[in-house]
Protein backbone atom coordinates (compact mmCIF):
# COMPACT_ATOMS: atom_id res chain seq x y z
CA UNK A 1 45.61 -33.32 -10.29
CA UNK A 2 45.09 -34.51 -6.77
CA UNK A 3 41.60 -35.56 -5.82
CA UNK A 4 42.22 -35.27 -2.10
CA UNK A 5 39.52 -33.09 -0.61
CA UNK A 6 40.34 -30.47 2.01
CA UNK A 7 37.92 -30.08 4.89
CA UNK A 8 36.14 -27.09 3.35
CA UNK A 9 35.50 -28.91 0.09
CA UNK A 10 34.32 -31.94 2.04
CA UNK A 11 31.71 -29.84 3.88
CA UNK A 12 30.69 -28.14 0.65
CA UNK A 13 30.17 -31.41 -1.23
CA UNK A 14 28.31 -32.89 1.73
CA UNK A 15 25.88 -29.97 1.60
CA UNK A 16 25.54 -30.33 -2.16
CA UNK A 17 24.64 -34.01 -1.72
CA UNK A 18 22.20 -33.14 1.06
CA UNK A 19 20.52 -30.57 -1.20
CA UNK A 20 19.89 -33.27 -3.82
CA UNK A 21 17.83 -35.48 -1.51
CA UNK A 22 14.11 -35.83 -2.34
CA UNK A 23 13.05 -33.40 0.39
CA UNK A 24 15.60 -30.78 -0.68
CA UNK A 25 14.55 -31.15 -4.31
CA UNK A 26 10.93 -30.64 -3.19
CA UNK A 27 11.91 -27.41 -1.41
CA UNK A 28 13.66 -26.12 -4.54
CA UNK A 29 10.80 -27.08 -6.84
CA UNK A 30 8.41 -25.44 -4.38
CA UNK A 31 10.42 -22.22 -4.66
CA UNK A 32 10.06 -22.33 -8.44
CA UNK A 33 6.30 -22.83 -8.07
CA UNK A 34 6.08 -19.80 -5.74
CA UNK A 35 7.90 -17.70 -8.35
CA UNK A 36 5.53 -18.84 -11.09
CA UNK A 37 2.43 -18.25 -8.97
CA UNK A 38 3.59 -14.70 -8.25
CA UNK A 39 4.25 -14.20 -11.96
CA UNK A 40 0.75 -15.45 -12.78
CA UNK A 41 -0.86 -13.15 -10.21
CA UNK A 42 1.01 -10.12 -11.56
CA UNK A 43 0.10 -11.10 -15.12
CA UNK A 44 -3.60 -11.14 -14.23
CA UNK A 45 -3.30 -7.81 -12.40
CA UNK A 46 -1.53 -6.31 -15.42
CA UNK A 47 -4.40 -7.50 -17.61
CA UNK A 48 -6.91 -5.56 -15.47
CA UNK A 49 -4.78 -2.39 -15.53
CA UNK A 50 -4.15 -2.70 -19.26
CA UNK A 51 -7.87 -3.09 -19.94
CA UNK A 52 -8.45 0.27 -18.26
CA UNK A 53 -5.58 1.84 -20.22
CA UNK A 54 -7.17 0.71 -23.48
CA UNK A 55 -10.57 2.04 -22.40
CA UNK A 56 -9.13 5.50 -21.70
CA UNK A 57 -7.11 5.60 -24.93
CA UNK A 58 -10.05 4.44 -27.04
CA UNK A 59 -12.25 7.09 -25.44
CA UNK A 60 -9.67 9.76 -26.23
CA UNK A 61 -9.45 8.59 -29.84
CA UNK A 62 -13.25 8.89 -30.03
CA UNK A 63 -12.96 12.57 -29.12
CA UNK A 64 -13.24 12.53 -25.32
CA UNK A 65 -10.13 14.47 -24.30
CA UNK A 66 -11.24 14.28 -20.64
CA UNK A 67 -11.48 10.49 -20.57
CA UNK A 68 -9.18 10.49 -17.54
CA UNK A 69 -12.14 12.00 -15.65
CA UNK A 70 -15.19 10.29 -17.13
CA UNK A 71 -15.70 7.63 -19.77
CA UNK A 72 -18.80 9.53 -20.93
CA UNK A 73 -17.99 13.21 -21.49
CA UNK A 74 -21.68 14.03 -20.97
CA UNK A 75 -21.13 13.33 -17.29
CA UNK A 76 -19.36 16.71 -17.11
CA UNK A 77 -22.56 18.59 -17.93
CA UNK A 78 -23.51 21.03 -15.19
CA UNK A 79 -26.93 19.43 -14.69
CA UNK A 80 -25.30 16.09 -13.88
CA UNK A 81 -22.49 17.54 -11.77
CA UNK A 82 -25.05 19.47 -9.70
CA UNK A 83 -26.69 16.19 -8.68
CA UNK A 84 -23.49 14.60 -7.37
CA UNK A 85 -23.55 13.70 -3.66
CA UNK A 86 -21.52 15.49 -1.02
CA UNK A 87 -18.21 13.87 -0.13
CA UNK A 88 -16.08 14.58 2.93
CA UNK A 89 -12.38 13.75 2.67
CA UNK A 90 -10.78 12.99 6.05
CA UNK A 91 -6.98 13.00 6.22
CA UNK A 92 -5.23 12.19 9.50
CA UNK A 93 -1.87 13.99 9.49
CA UNK A 94 1.32 13.33 11.40
CA UNK A 95 4.55 15.19 10.66
CA UNK A 96 5.74 16.97 7.53
CA UNK A 97 8.01 15.58 4.79
CA UNK A 98 9.34 16.19 1.31
CA UNK A 99 6.28 14.89 -0.58
CA UNK A 100 3.44 16.15 1.62
CA UNK A 101 2.74 19.45 -0.13
CA UNK A 102 2.50 17.76 -3.53
CA UNK A 103 0.17 15.09 -2.13
CA UNK A 104 -2.10 17.57 -0.34
CA UNK A 105 -2.26 19.77 -3.42
CA UNK A 106 -3.29 16.80 -5.58
CA UNK A 107 -6.08 16.10 -3.09
CA UNK A 108 -7.61 19.55 -2.69
CA UNK A 109 -7.46 20.31 -6.45
CA UNK A 110 -9.65 17.34 -7.29
CA UNK A 111 -11.91 17.82 -10.33
CA UNK A 112 -14.92 16.41 -8.53
CA UNK A 113 -17.89 18.60 -9.46
CA UNK A 114 -20.12 17.87 -6.46
CA UNK A 115 -19.99 19.38 -2.96
CA UNK A 116 -16.67 18.47 -1.45
CA UNK A 117 -15.00 19.26 1.86
CA UNK A 118 -11.56 18.40 3.20
CA UNK A 119 -10.79 17.83 6.85
CA UNK A 120 -7.11 17.72 7.81
CA UNK A 121 -7.01 16.17 11.27
CA UNK A 122 -4.00 16.55 13.57
CA UNK A 123 -3.20 15.60 17.11
CA UNK A 124 -2.20 19.17 18.04
CA UNK A 125 -1.05 22.52 16.66
CA UNK A 126 2.50 21.55 17.66
CA UNK A 127 2.64 19.12 14.73
CA UNK A 128 4.73 20.72 11.92
CA UNK A 129 2.05 19.65 9.45
CA UNK A 130 -0.30 22.18 11.07
CA UNK A 131 1.59 25.23 9.80
CA UNK A 132 2.30 23.69 6.40
CA UNK A 133 -1.27 22.67 5.64
CA UNK A 134 -2.67 25.92 7.05
CA UNK A 135 -0.58 27.96 4.63
CA UNK A 136 -1.55 25.72 1.74
CA UNK A 137 -5.26 26.01 2.49
CA UNK A 138 -4.96 29.79 2.88
CA UNK A 139 -3.90 30.00 -0.78
CA UNK A 140 -7.02 28.06 -1.82
CA UNK A 141 -9.52 29.45 0.70
CA UNK A 142 -11.72 31.06 -1.95
CA UNK A 143 -12.08 27.87 -3.98
CA UNK A 144 -11.92 24.93 -1.57
CA UNK A 145 -14.05 24.03 1.43
CA UNK A 146 -11.48 22.87 3.91
CA UNK A 147 -10.57 23.06 7.55
CA UNK A 148 -7.97 21.90 9.99
CA UNK A 149 -9.31 19.88 12.92
CA UNK A 150 -7.40 19.36 16.16
CA UNK A 151 -8.28 15.92 17.53
CA UNK A 152 -6.30 15.80 20.77
CA UNK A 153 -4.62 12.70 22.17
CA UNK A 154 -5.93 9.19 21.57
CA UNK A 155 -6.63 7.19 24.72
CA UNK A 156 -8.51 4.07 23.56
CA UNK A 157 -7.16 3.38 20.06
CA UNK A 158 -4.35 4.31 17.70
CA UNK A 159 -3.83 8.02 17.05
CA UNK A 160 -4.64 7.58 13.35
CA UNK A 161 -8.00 5.95 14.11
CA UNK A 162 -8.75 8.63 16.73
CA UNK A 163 -8.07 11.35 14.15
CA UNK A 164 -10.30 9.60 11.60
CA UNK A 165 -13.21 9.33 14.03
CA UNK A 166 -12.90 12.96 15.09
CA UNK A 167 -12.88 13.93 11.41
CA UNK A 168 -16.09 11.95 10.87
CA UNK A 169 -17.71 13.78 13.79
CA UNK A 170 -16.84 17.13 12.19
CA UNK A 171 -17.98 16.32 8.65
CA UNK A 172 -20.90 18.14 7.04
CA UNK A 173 -24.39 17.03 8.04
CA UNK A 174 -25.30 16.39 4.39
CA UNK A 175 -22.25 14.26 3.61
CA UNK A 176 -23.20 11.02 1.88
CA UNK A 177 -19.75 9.47 1.47
CA UNK A 178 -16.59 9.84 3.52
CA UNK A 179 -13.19 9.23 1.95
CA UNK A 180 -10.28 8.43 4.25
CA UNK A 181 -6.88 9.22 2.77
CA UNK A 182 -3.35 8.90 4.08
CA UNK A 183 -1.32 12.06 3.70
CA UNK A 184 1.23 10.21 1.53
CA UNK A 185 -1.39 9.49 -1.17
CA UNK A 186 -1.15 11.46 -4.41
CA UNK A 187 -4.62 11.56 -5.97
CA UNK A 188 -5.50 11.78 -9.65
CA UNK A 189 -7.85 14.61 -10.68
CA UNK A 190 -10.70 12.18 -11.29
CA UNK A 191 -10.18 9.81 -8.35
CA UNK A 192 -12.93 11.13 -6.09
CA UNK A 193 -15.37 11.26 -8.99
CA UNK A 194 -14.53 7.69 -10.03
CA UNK A 195 -14.96 6.33 -6.50
CA UNK A 196 -18.23 8.21 -6.00
CA UNK A 197 -19.57 7.04 -9.37
CA UNK A 198 -18.97 3.41 -8.37
CA UNK A 199 -20.71 3.93 -5.03
CA UNK A 200 -23.70 5.51 -6.79
CA UNK A 201 -24.17 3.06 -9.63
CA UNK A 202 -23.81 -0.14 -7.62
CA UNK A 203 -27.26 -1.81 -7.73
CA UNK A 204 -29.21 -1.88 -4.50
CA UNK A 205 -31.07 -5.07 -5.44
CA UNK A 206 -32.92 -7.21 -2.97
CA UNK A 207 -30.42 -7.17 -0.13
CA UNK A 208 -27.87 -4.75 1.40
CA UNK A 209 -25.15 -7.24 0.38
CA UNK A 210 -25.26 -5.66 -3.08
CA UNK A 211 -24.33 -2.24 -1.70
CA UNK A 212 -20.63 -1.41 -1.64
CA UNK A 213 -19.41 -1.18 1.97
CA UNK A 214 -15.94 0.16 1.22
CA UNK A 215 -14.08 1.17 -1.90
CA UNK A 216 -10.33 1.05 -1.77
CA UNK A 217 -7.19 1.28 -3.88
CA UNK A 218 -3.46 0.67 -3.59
CA UNK A 219 -0.22 2.64 -3.97
CA UNK A 220 2.38 2.27 -6.70
CA UNK A 221 5.66 2.65 -4.84
CA UNK A 222 8.29 4.83 -6.51
CA UNK A 223 11.61 3.66 -5.00
CA UNK A 224 14.17 6.34 -4.25
CA UNK A 225 17.22 4.17 -5.00
CA UNK A 226 18.02 2.86 -1.52
CA UNK A 227 17.77 -0.81 -0.63
CA UNK A 228 15.19 0.07 2.01
CA UNK A 229 12.92 1.70 -0.58
CA UNK A 230 13.20 -1.33 -2.88
CA UNK A 231 12.30 -3.60 0.05
CA UNK A 232 9.14 -1.52 0.57
CA UNK A 233 8.31 -1.78 -3.13
CA UNK A 234 8.87 -5.54 -3.13
CA UNK A 235 6.79 -5.96 0.03
CA UNK A 236 3.80 -4.17 -1.53
CA UNK A 237 3.93 -5.83 -4.96
CA UNK A 238 2.47 -9.24 -3.98
CA UNK A 239 -0.37 -7.41 -2.21
CA UNK A 240 -1.04 -5.25 -5.29
CA UNK A 241 -2.50 -8.20 -7.23
CA UNK A 242 -5.32 -8.40 -4.68
CA UNK A 243 -6.32 -4.81 -5.46
CA UNK A 244 -6.11 -5.13 -9.25
CA UNK A 245 -9.33 -7.09 -9.58
CA UNK A 246 -11.38 -4.33 -11.16
CA UNK A 247 -14.18 -5.21 -8.75
CA UNK A 248 -14.76 -7.23 -5.59
CA UNK A 249 -11.79 -7.95 -3.35
CA UNK A 250 -11.08 -9.19 0.16
CA UNK A 251 -8.19 -6.76 0.58
CA UNK A 252 -8.37 -3.28 2.07
CA UNK A 253 -5.77 -0.51 2.22
CA UNK A 254 -6.22 2.16 4.87
CA UNK A 255 -4.58 4.80 2.68
CA UNK A 256 -7.73 5.06 0.54
CA UNK A 257 -11.17 4.01 1.82
CA UNK A 258 -14.51 5.46 0.69
CA UNK A 259 -17.48 4.54 2.89
CA UNK A 260 -21.07 5.55 3.56
CA UNK A 261 -21.19 8.40 6.06
CA UNK A 262 -24.33 6.96 7.65
CA UNK A 263 -22.40 3.81 8.57
CA UNK A 264 -20.51 6.01 11.04
CA UNK A 265 -23.44 8.16 12.12
CA UNK A 266 -25.43 5.05 13.05
CA UNK A 267 -22.47 2.83 14.00
CA UNK A 268 -23.65 0.19 11.53
CA UNK A 269 -21.91 -3.16 11.88
CA UNK A 270 -19.96 -1.67 14.80
CA UNK A 271 -17.65 0.42 12.60
CA UNK A 272 -17.28 3.19 15.19
CA UNK A 273 -17.13 1.02 18.30
CA UNK A 274 -14.87 -1.53 16.57
CA UNK A 275 -12.38 1.18 15.70
CA UNK A 276 -12.72 3.30 18.84
CA UNK A 277 -12.58 0.56 21.46
CA UNK A 278 -9.03 -0.70 21.19
CA UNK A 279 -8.57 -0.46 17.42
CA UNK A 280 -4.97 -0.45 16.21
CA UNK A 281 -5.26 -0.88 12.42
CA UNK A 282 -8.08 0.86 10.56
CA UNK A 283 -7.98 -1.32 7.45
CA UNK A 284 -7.61 -4.66 9.22
CA UNK A 285 -10.47 -3.81 11.61
CA UNK A 286 -12.81 -2.69 8.83
CA UNK A 287 -11.88 -5.67 6.63
CA UNK A 288 -12.72 -7.99 9.53
CA UNK A 289 -16.08 -6.26 10.01
CA UNK A 290 -16.79 -6.55 6.28
CA UNK A 291 -16.08 -10.27 6.42
CA UNK A 292 -18.10 -10.84 9.57
CA UNK A 293 -21.17 -9.06 8.16
CA UNK A 294 -20.66 -10.19 4.55
CA UNK A 295 -20.24 -6.62 3.27
CA UNK A 296 -18.77 -5.78 -0.13
CA UNK A 297 -15.26 -4.34 -0.63
CA UNK A 298 -14.36 -3.24 -4.16
CA UNK A 299 -11.29 -1.78 -5.83
CA UNK A 300 -11.92 0.03 -9.15
CA UNK A 301 -9.21 -0.37 -11.80
CA UNK A 302 -8.33 3.36 -11.71
CA UNK A 303 -7.60 3.29 -7.97
CA UNK A 304 -3.81 3.09 -8.17
CA UNK A 305 -1.85 5.99 -6.73
CA UNK A 306 1.78 7.13 -7.16
CA UNK A 307 3.58 6.79 -3.85
CA UNK A 308 7.04 8.40 -3.90
CA UNK A 309 9.26 7.03 -1.15
CA UNK A 310 11.66 9.20 0.81
CA UNK A 311 15.01 9.81 -0.85
CA UNK A 312 16.82 8.94 2.39
CA UNK A 313 14.74 5.86 3.27
CA UNK A 314 17.27 3.80 5.18
CA UNK A 315 17.25 0.08 5.82
CA UNK A 316 16.50 0.73 9.48
CA UNK A 317 13.36 2.66 8.60
CA UNK A 318 12.29 -0.16 6.29
CA UNK A 319 12.67 -2.57 9.22
CA UNK A 320 10.53 -0.32 11.42
CA UNK A 321 7.86 -0.26 8.72
CA UNK A 322 7.95 -4.04 8.36
CA UNK A 323 7.56 -4.38 12.12
CA UNK A 324 4.40 -2.25 12.03
CA UNK A 325 3.02 -4.28 9.12
CA UNK A 326 3.52 -7.63 10.84
CA UNK A 327 2.22 -6.23 14.10
CA UNK A 328 -1.27 -5.68 12.62
CA UNK A 329 -1.73 -9.46 12.56
CA UNK A 330 -1.68 -9.35 16.36
CA UNK A 331 -4.82 -7.17 16.47
CA UNK A 332 -8.26 -8.72 16.05
CA UNK A 333 -11.91 -8.12 16.91
CA UNK A 334 -13.27 -11.66 17.19
CA UNK A 335 -12.27 -15.31 17.50
CA UNK A 336 -12.80 -15.84 13.77
CA UNK A 337 -10.66 -12.80 13.01
CA UNK A 338 -7.94 -14.17 15.31
CA UNK A 339 -7.98 -17.51 13.48
CA UNK A 340 -7.77 -15.78 10.09
CA UNK A 341 -4.85 -13.63 11.23
CA UNK A 342 -2.94 -16.61 12.61
CA UNK A 343 -3.56 -18.54 9.39
CA UNK A 344 -2.23 -15.59 7.39
CA UNK A 345 0.72 -15.37 9.78
CA UNK A 346 1.60 -19.06 9.27
CA UNK A 347 1.09 -19.09 5.49
CA UNK A 348 3.04 -15.89 4.92
CA UNK A 349 5.96 -17.06 7.05
CA UNK A 350 6.03 -20.46 5.34
CA UNK A 351 5.92 -19.00 1.84
CA UNK A 352 8.52 -16.33 2.66
CA UNK A 353 11.17 -18.78 3.81
CA UNK A 354 9.98 -21.26 1.20
CA UNK A 355 10.83 -18.58 -1.36
CA UNK A 356 14.29 -17.82 0.08
CA UNK A 357 15.50 -21.38 0.81
CA UNK A 358 16.05 -22.43 -2.87
CA UNK A 359 18.37 -19.47 -3.42
CA UNK A 360 20.49 -20.48 -0.42
CA UNK A 361 20.69 -24.01 -1.83
CA UNK A 362 21.56 -22.65 -5.26
CA UNK A 363 24.57 -20.82 -3.84
CA UNK A 364 25.86 -24.15 -2.49
CA UNK A 365 25.25 -25.91 -5.81
CA UNK A 366 27.05 -23.19 -7.78
CA UNK A 367 29.98 -23.05 -5.35
CA UNK A 368 30.30 -26.84 -5.39
CA UNK A 369 30.32 -26.95 -9.20
CA UNK A 370 32.95 -24.20 -9.36
CA UNK A 371 35.21 -26.03 -6.91
CA UNK A 372 34.95 -29.23 -8.93
CA UNK A 373 35.78 -27.36 -12.14
CA UNK A 374 38.67 -25.33 -10.69
CA UNK A 375 40.34 -28.20 -8.78
CA UNK A 376 39.56 -30.89 -11.33
CA UNK A 377 37.63 -33.30 -9.13
CA UNK A 378 36.25 -34.98 -12.25
CA UNK A 379 36.34 -38.57 -11.04
CA UNK A 380 34.38 -38.01 -7.90
CA UNK A 381 30.86 -39.10 -7.18
CA UNK A 382 30.19 -35.50 -6.18
CA UNK A 383 30.23 -34.44 -9.83
CA UNK A 384 26.93 -36.26 -10.28
CA UNK A 385 25.33 -34.33 -7.44
CA UNK A 386 26.84 -31.08 -8.71
CA UNK A 387 25.32 -31.71 -12.13
CA UNK A 388 21.89 -32.41 -10.62
CA UNK A 389 22.23 -29.34 -8.43
CA UNK A 390 23.06 -27.11 -11.40
CA UNK A 391 19.96 -28.36 -13.20
CA UNK A 392 17.89 -27.12 -10.27
CA UNK A 393 19.79 -23.81 -10.30
CA UNK A 394 19.00 -23.28 -13.97
CA UNK A 395 15.33 -24.08 -13.38
CA UNK A 396 15.18 -21.58 -10.52
CA UNK A 397 16.94 -18.94 -12.63
CA UNK A 398 14.35 -19.34 -15.40
CA UNK A 399 11.45 -19.07 -12.93
CA UNK A 400 13.05 -16.03 -11.29
CA UNK A 401 13.42 -14.32 -14.67
CA UNK A 402 9.74 -15.00 -15.47
CA UNK A 403 8.74 -13.61 -12.06
CA UNK A 404 10.78 -10.41 -12.46
CA UNK A 405 9.50 -9.97 -16.01
CA UNK A 406 5.91 -10.21 -14.78
CA UNK A 407 6.62 -7.75 -11.95
CA UNK A 408 8.18 -5.35 -14.47
CA UNK A 409 5.17 -5.71 -16.76
CA UNK A 410 2.66 -4.89 -13.99
CA UNK A 411 4.74 -1.91 -12.84
CA UNK A 412 4.94 -0.69 -16.45
CA UNK A 413 1.16 -0.92 -16.83
CA UNK A 414 0.54 0.92 -13.58
CA UNK A 415 3.02 3.65 -14.50
CA UNK A 416 1.23 4.09 -17.84
CA UNK A 417 -2.17 4.19 -16.14
CA UNK A 418 -1.03 6.78 -13.59
CA UNK A 419 0.35 8.96 -16.41
CA UNK A 420 -2.99 8.78 -18.23
CA UNK A 421 -5.00 9.57 -15.09
CA UNK A 422 -2.82 12.58 -14.16
CA UNK A 423 -1.91 14.17 -17.52
CA UNK A 424 -0.48 17.34 -15.94
CA UNK A 425 1.62 15.62 -13.29
CA UNK A 426 5.34 14.94 -13.83
CA UNK A 427 5.66 11.85 -16.01
CA UNK A 428 6.43 8.62 -14.22
CA UNK A 429 8.95 6.26 -15.78
CA UNK A 430 10.47 2.84 -15.18
CA UNK A 431 13.99 4.13 -15.88
CA UNK A 432 14.97 4.66 -12.19
CA UNK A 433 14.00 1.11 -11.18
CA UNK A 434 17.09 -1.00 -10.45
CA UNK A 435 16.06 -4.62 -11.06
CA UNK A 436 19.22 -6.02 -9.55
CA UNK A 437 18.39 -4.29 -6.26
CA UNK A 438 14.78 -5.43 -6.60
CA UNK A 439 15.95 -9.05 -6.78
CA UNK A 440 18.11 -8.54 -3.67
CA UNK A 441 15.16 -6.83 -1.95
CA UNK A 442 12.99 -9.86 -2.71
CA UNK A 443 15.39 -12.10 -0.83
CA UNK A 444 15.94 -9.66 2.05
CA UNK A 445 12.26 -8.88 2.58
CA UNK A 446 11.12 -12.52 2.47
CA UNK A 447 13.91 -13.56 4.81
CA UNK A 448 13.10 -10.85 7.36
CA UNK A 449 9.30 -11.12 7.29
CA UNK A 450 9.05 -14.23 9.54
CA UNK A 451 11.60 -12.75 11.95
CA UNK A 452 9.56 -9.55 12.21
CA UNK A 453 6.30 -11.50 12.53
CA UNK A 454 7.60 -13.67 15.40
CA UNK A 455 9.04 -10.64 17.16
CA UNK A 456 5.69 -8.88 16.90
CA UNK A 457 3.93 -11.95 18.24
CA UNK A 458 6.08 -12.18 21.35
CA UNK A 459 6.43 -8.44 22.05
CA UNK A 460 2.74 -7.40 21.77
CA UNK A 461 3.82 -3.75 21.58
CA UNK A 462 5.00 -1.41 18.83
CA UNK A 463 6.39 2.13 18.48
CA UNK A 464 4.40 3.97 15.82
CA UNK A 465 5.65 7.53 15.15
CA UNK A 466 6.78 8.03 18.73
CA UNK A 467 3.75 6.42 20.39
CA UNK A 468 4.02 2.94 21.87
CA UNK A 469 0.88 0.81 21.70
CA UNK A 470 0.41 -2.27 23.86
CA UNK A 471 -2.11 -4.94 22.87
CA UNK A 472 -4.10 -7.31 25.04
CA UNK A 473 -6.53 -9.77 23.48
CA UNK A 474 -6.03 -8.11 20.12
CA UNK A 475 -6.92 -4.58 21.28
CA UNK A 476 -4.99 -1.51 22.37
CA UNK A 477 -5.11 -1.31 26.16
CA UNK A 478 -2.16 0.94 26.94
CA UNK A 479 -0.63 3.94 25.15
CA UNK A 480 2.77 5.39 26.06
CA UNK A 481 4.15 8.76 24.95
CA UNK A 482 7.70 9.78 25.76
CA UNK A 483 10.04 12.19 24.00
CA UNK A 484 12.79 9.57 23.80
CA UNK A 485 10.50 7.32 21.70
CA UNK A 486 10.00 9.87 18.92
CA UNK A 487 12.06 8.96 15.81
CA UNK A 488 13.91 11.59 13.80
CA UNK A 489 11.74 10.81 10.78
CA UNK A 490 8.79 8.62 9.88
CA UNK A 491 9.51 5.45 7.95
CA UNK A 492 8.22 5.82 4.36
CA UNK A 493 7.70 9.54 3.82
CA UNK A 494 10.68 10.66 5.88
CA UNK A 495 8.41 13.15 7.65
CA UNK A 496 9.78 15.28 10.46
CA UNK A 497 7.61 14.94 13.55
CA UNK A 498 8.92 18.23 14.94
CA UNK A 499 10.09 21.47 13.40
CA UNK A 500 9.87 21.36 9.60
CA UNK A 501 7.37 23.63 7.89
CA UNK A 502 6.12 23.81 4.32
CA UNK A 503 5.95 26.26 1.47
CA UNK A 504 3.50 27.16 -1.25
CA UNK A 505 3.46 26.36 -4.95
CA UNK A 506 1.87 27.92 -8.04
CA UNK A 507 -1.35 26.47 -9.43
CA UNK A 508 -1.77 24.49 -12.69
CA UNK A 509 -4.40 24.43 -15.41
CA UNK A 510 -6.15 21.47 -13.74
CA UNK A 511 -6.18 23.39 -10.47
CA UNK A 512 -7.94 26.29 -12.21
CA UNK A 513 -10.42 23.90 -13.81
CA UNK A 514 -11.09 22.40 -10.41
CA UNK A 515 -11.81 25.86 -9.00
CA UNK A 516 -14.26 26.53 -11.81
CA UNK A 517 -16.06 23.26 -11.04
CA UNK A 518 -16.18 24.25 -7.39
CA UNK A 519 -17.91 27.53 -8.31
CA UNK A 520 -20.77 25.50 -9.79
CA UNK A 521 -21.71 24.74 -6.24
CA UNK A 522 -22.55 27.05 -3.35
CA UNK A 523 -19.82 29.34 -1.99
CA UNK A 524 -17.23 27.65 0.17
CA UNK A 525 -15.58 28.75 3.34
CA UNK A 526 -12.31 28.01 5.06
CA UNK A 527 -11.95 27.34 8.77
CA UNK A 528 -8.95 26.68 10.92
């Protein structure tokens, strides 16, 4: 067989040789190390989740059938429930989608036995969520203390932050803790009780540093089958290991944050002014304040929440979501915060492309080896490079398998934990997860992240649910609202920003139990 190389083969073999140089080998080994570090992080996170699973199961075996609420069943005694502090749950709403009613219902039917109020905060009555949530609350008005609050238009910060601050202003005078929730969070019956218990039992020894500043959690994405939904899932998974510590963390997710109400009443550490005066991202701003004042952020092991993604989540909507996520790194409240954000920007971009590059090189190595085999170029020097290249490919394949196995294991543990914490909810399962698409999503998401980050850096503006925010010196200084900027649907939940309205749903046993617990307290009222 002829050993004359055509021009395409010549280019291919030249690339294969180039990808066997010391620097190229370093890049490919680095990619393997990144895979193994991710696998290790997910393994440690799975250990924390599994420890909680065992605790709940052991408690159930010991006769505590309500272990998903409290480890000690005696905590459900009326005398103890009557002493629980008042909690106000503030939920900024925007639009109405396919999962909202289920999420809201899971929130207002909480089995927290203490005084509890819910404040659903909207920009205006024109928001379709207004009619949907109003009808839902009307069906629970005798059992739940809840009201809809109209916040008006934000002028100095993001609309979400504006809604949160208005909600805080309207909360009950006796509220001790305020819980901020996104409207796409599905709570477990015992979530509010678990968060409150941690806030109460944390020792106030010697210095305020021992007091929890914020408690947080993280979502478990339930992909809908589209590539965009798997890209969202893959984007969140590396972050999830930072929330699965079972205790102190540096991470904060704005979808679930419990804080001391007095921190807002007294503007401690500048929480109100920091958010109100140019704040774009609630969690990034509060995390920066926590770091600056050495305050404690914790994430209890039960704080993982099912997060169903929209069934029609397109790739374009994933890209819009990624743009908003990278844009938060452009907001900051201090010079130190700016330095931290830029360091995170650089490290994340480097690791993202450092993760993708070995797979691009592997394609060249595989193609080169196939060409040699098919055309019979067995006497060429290139066969040596092809052999070395295939060794690197096999190493990368092994590391990738270990990484995906660890990701699968953490997801399996979190699915099991969610099923234990919400025994009446529809059972979650790993069956719908397509691991081939997850692998593709890993490559796509890591390739696009630096592109999105650089675009955010140079644009300094973003369209968030039809509102364009412009930043200057890390703060919102200009807000634009035009009808032509409003998307058909929001990114993750697929919520309609105009028009769609909700329906009602029959109550469950846990809902009835929650109403009975509510009757232990003083009568409630419903306001719109």
